[in-house]
Amino acid sequence: MAPPPRRPQFTSAQAIVNALKGGTLAQHSKERTKAEAQFKQVQKPQPATRPTTKGGQATADYLAEGHAVRAKTAQLRELRLAKEGAATVTKKSSG
């Protein structure tokens, strides 16, 4: 009796998909490059300074509010660190 036929050995899941689809690596590369270019074009950030719609204005307001919160937090952190530093110096000099 003859041994059963051997299955092909694949190194990755993508190789299996390409083999099943009959696609080649060159076709995959071209298609992937085209898809990535389209994705990057869609993902370009819109400038927050020039909102064109009501939704754009809301986004600009949201970004500006986030920036203000981060600036205020940084200022409060600086004050807290200065206060802690002064307390440490006072504690060392009196103790």
Protein backbone atom coordinates (compact mmCIF):
# COMPACT_ATOMS: atom_id res chain seq x y z
CA MET A 1 0.00 0.00 0.00
CA ALA A 2 1.30 3.45 -0.93
CA PRO A 3 1.88 6.09 1.76
CA PRO A 4 -0.61 9.00 1.92
CA PRO A 5 0.34 12.15 -0.01
CA ARG A 6 2.37 14.70 1.94
CA ARG A 7 0.86 18.03 2.84
CA PRO A 8 2.78 21.15 1.81
CA GLN A 9 4.72 22.86 4.60
CA PHE A 10 3.84 26.51 5.17
CA THR A 11 5.85 29.00 7.20
CA SER A 12 3.06 31.43 7.97
CA ALA A 13 -0.69 31.90 7.89
CA GLN A 14 -0.29 34.38 5.03
CA ALA A 15 1.46 31.71 2.94
CA ILE A 16 -1.53 29.43 3.47
CA VAL A 17 -3.97 32.15 2.43
CA ASN A 18 -1.92 32.95 -0.68
CA ALA A 19 -1.74 29.27 -1.61
CA LEU A 20 -5.49 28.83 -1.20
CA LYS A 21 -6.29 31.96 -3.19
CA GLY A 22 -3.72 31.17 -5.85
CA GLY A 23 -2.17 34.59 -5.35
CA THR A 24 1.51 35.29 -5.56
CA LEU A 25 3.68 37.31 -3.26
CA ALA A 26 4.15 39.96 -5.96
CA GLN A 27 0.39 40.43 -6.32
CA HIS A 28 0.00 40.57 -2.56
CA SER A 29 2.72 43.18 -2.31
CA LYS A 30 1.16 45.40 -4.98
CA GLU A 31 -2.31 45.10 -3.47
CA ARG A 32 -1.00 45.74 0.02
CA THR A 33 0.98 48.79 -1.07
CA LYS A 34 -2.09 50.21 -2.80
CA ALA A 35 -4.29 49.55 0.24
CA GLU A 36 -1.76 51.11 2.62
CA ALA A 37 -1.53 54.21 0.43
CA GLN A 38 -5.31 54.58 0.47
CA PHE A 39 -5.39 54.06 4.25
CA LYS A 40 -2.73 56.70 4.86
CA GLN A 41 -4.60 59.12 2.62
CA VAL A 42 -7.80 58.60 4.63
CA GLN A 43 -5.94 58.86 7.95
CA LYS A 44 -4.41 62.28 7.31
CA PRO A 45 -5.31 64.48 10.28
CA GLN A 46 -7.50 67.47 9.63
CA PRO A 47 -6.16 70.77 10.95
CA ALA A 48 -8.01 71.76 14.11
CA THR A 49 -7.61 75.47 13.39
CA ARG A 50 -9.96 75.51 10.41
CA PRO A 51 -13.13 73.58 11.19
CA THR A 52 -15.44 73.35 8.20
CA THR A 53 -18.47 71.73 9.81
CA LYS A 54 -20.24 71.68 13.13
CA GLY A 55 -18.53 68.36 13.90
CA GLY A 56 -15.19 69.90 12.98
CA GLN A 57 -15.85 72.74 15.40
CA ALA A 58 -16.66 70.26 18.15
CA THR A 59 -13.39 68.44 17.44
CA ALA A 60 -11.46 71.69 17.57
CA ASP A 61 -13.10 72.59 20.88
CA TYR A 62 -12.32 69.14 22.28
CA LEU A 63 -8.66 69.38 21.25
CA ALA A 64 -8.33 72.91 22.66
CA GLU A 65 -9.90 71.83 25.96
CA GLY A 66 -7.51 68.87 26.19
CA HIS A 67 -4.56 71.17 25.56
CA ALA A 68 -5.74 73.57 28.28
CA VAL A 69 -6.15 70.72 30.78
CA ARG A 70 -2.64 69.42 30.04
CA ALA A 71 -1.16 72.92 30.43
CA LYS A 72 -2.96 73.44 33.75
CA THR A 73 -1.84 70.01 34.98
CA ALA A 74 1.78 70.79 34.08
CA GLN A 75 1.58 74.11 35.94
CA LEU A 76 0.11 72.44 39.03
CA ARG A 77 2.77 69.73 38.90
CA GLU A 78 5.51 72.37 38.84
CA LEU A 79 3.98 74.11 41.86
CA ARG A 80 3.64 70.83 43.75
CA LEU A 81 7.24 69.84 43.04
CA ALA A 82 8.48 73.29 44.13
CA LYS A 83 6.46 73.02 47.36
CA GLU A 84 7.79 69.51 48.06
CA GLY A 85 11.34 70.67 47.34
CA ALA A 86 10.98 73.58 49.73
CA ALA A 87 9.55 71.30 52.41
CA THR A 88 12.48 68.91 51.97
CA VAL A 89 15.01 71.72 52.31
CA THR A 90 13.23 73.05 55.42
CA LYS A 91 13.06 69.56 56.93
CA LYS A 92 16.80 68.97 56.35
CA SER A 93 17.83 72.32 57.81
CA SER A 94 15.65 72.00 60.93
CA GLY A 95 16.22 68.28 61.55
